[in-house]
């Protein structure tokens, strides 16, 4: 199973900065000043575990 660890405002506009709340840590993604190296590790964004 893959579950997101982050939540964001559903009304966020795609051309403006977006703040993600990832288990209490705020991550800001700004499309006007985007650097791929600024993104957190995938394990910070998603939880992965086995399920039956």
C-alpha atoms as a PDB file:
ATOM      1  CA  UNK A   1       0.000   0.000   0.000  1.00  0.00           C
ATOM      2  CA  UNK A   2       1.152   3.518  -0.720  1.00  0.00           C
ATOM      3  CA  UNK A   3      -0.360   6.302   1.358  1.00  0.00           C
ATOM      4  CA  UNK A   4       0.412  10.004   1.149  1.00  0.00           C
ATOM      5  CA  UNK A   5       1.936  11.569   4.265  1.00  0.00           C
ATOM      6  CA  UNK A   6       1.170  15.070   3.026  1.00  0.00           C
ATOM      7  CA  UNK A   7      -1.975  17.160   2.769  1.00  0.00           C
ATOM      8  CA  UNK A   8      -2.561  20.437   0.951  1.00  0.00           C
ATOM      9  CA  UNK A   9      -5.309  22.962   0.388  1.00  0.00           C
ATOM     10  CA  UNK A  10      -7.558  21.638  -2.384  1.00  0.00           C
ATOM     11  CA  UNK A  11      -8.161  25.234  -3.521  1.00  0.00           C
ATOM     12  CA  UNK A  12      -4.452  25.763  -4.226  1.00  0.00           C
ATOM     13  CA  UNK A  13      -3.733  27.313  -7.614  1.00  0.00           C
ATOM     14  CA  UNK A  14      -1.185  25.420  -9.759  1.00  0.00           C
ATOM     15  CA  UNK A  15       0.706  28.585 -10.724  1.00  0.00           C
ATOM     16  CA  UNK A  16       1.210  29.752  -7.111  1.00  0.00           C
ATOM     17  CA  UNK A  17       3.295  28.387  -4.238  1.00  0.00           C
ATOM     18  CA  UNK A  18       1.741  25.386  -2.495  1.00  0.00           C
ATOM     19  CA  UNK A  19       2.356  24.412   1.115  1.00  0.00           C
ATOM     20  CA  UNK A  20       2.249  20.723   1.951  1.00  0.00           C
ATOM     21  CA  UNK A  21       1.752  19.536   5.527  1.00  0.00           C
ATOM     22  CA  UNK A  22       3.780  16.325   5.751  1.00  0.00           C
ATOM     23  CA  UNK A  23       3.254  14.829   9.214  1.00  0.00           C
ATOM     24  CA  UNK A  24       3.642  18.252  10.832  1.00  0.00           C
ATOM     25  CA  UNK A  25       6.522  19.402   8.601  1.00  0.00           C
ATOM     26  CA  UNK A  26       5.704  22.181   6.131  1.00  0.00           C
ATOM     27  CA  UNK A  27       7.101  21.826   2.616  1.00  0.00           C
ATOM     28  CA  UNK A  28       6.647  24.731   0.193  1.00  0.00           C
ATOM     29  CA  UNK A  29       6.718  24.125  -3.558  1.00  0.00           C
ATOM     30  CA  UNK A  30       6.883  27.288  -5.634  1.00  0.00           C
ATOM     31  CA  UNK A  31       6.517  26.755  -9.418  1.00  0.00           C
ATOM     32  CA  UNK A  32       8.074  30.187 -10.051  1.00  0.00           C
ATOM     33  CA  UNK A  33      11.268  29.215  -8.179  1.00  0.00           C
ATOM     34  CA  UNK A  34      11.318  25.414  -8.504  1.00  0.00           C
ATOM     35  CA  UNK A  35      14.470  23.381  -7.973  1.00  0.00           C
ATOM     36  CA  UNK A  36      14.063  19.564  -8.065  1.00  0.00           C
ATOM     37  CA  UNK A  37      16.695  19.257  -5.334  1.00  0.00           C
ATOM     38  CA  UNK A  38      14.385  21.212  -2.993  1.00  0.00           C
ATOM     39  CA  UNK A  39      11.859  18.364  -2.940  1.00  0.00           C
ATOM     40  CA  UNK A  40      11.930  16.119   0.121  1.00  0.00           C
ATOM     41  CA  UNK A  41      12.800  12.448  -0.192  1.00  0.00           C
ATOM     42  CA  UNK A  42       9.980  10.171  -1.367  1.00  0.00           C
ATOM     43  CA  UNK A  43       9.895   8.515   2.060  1.00  0.00           C
ATOM     44  CA  UNK A  44       8.955  11.918   3.528  1.00  0.00           C
ATOM     45  CA  UNK A  45       6.047  12.255   1.088  1.00  0.00           C
ATOM     46  CA  UNK A  46       4.652   8.694   1.117  1.00  0.00           C
ATOM     47  CA  UNK A  47       4.277   5.771   3.493  1.00  0.00           C
ATOM     48  CA  UNK A  48       4.715   2.321   1.930  1.00  0.00           C
ATOM     49  CA  UNK A  49       3.800  -0.951   3.614  1.00  0.00           C
ATOM     50  CA  UNK A  50       2.602  -4.466   2.829  1.00  0.00           C
ATOM     51  CA  UNK A  51      -1.080  -5.317   3.124  1.00  0.00           C
ATOM     52  CA  UNK A  52      -3.131  -8.439   2.655  1.00  0.00           C
END
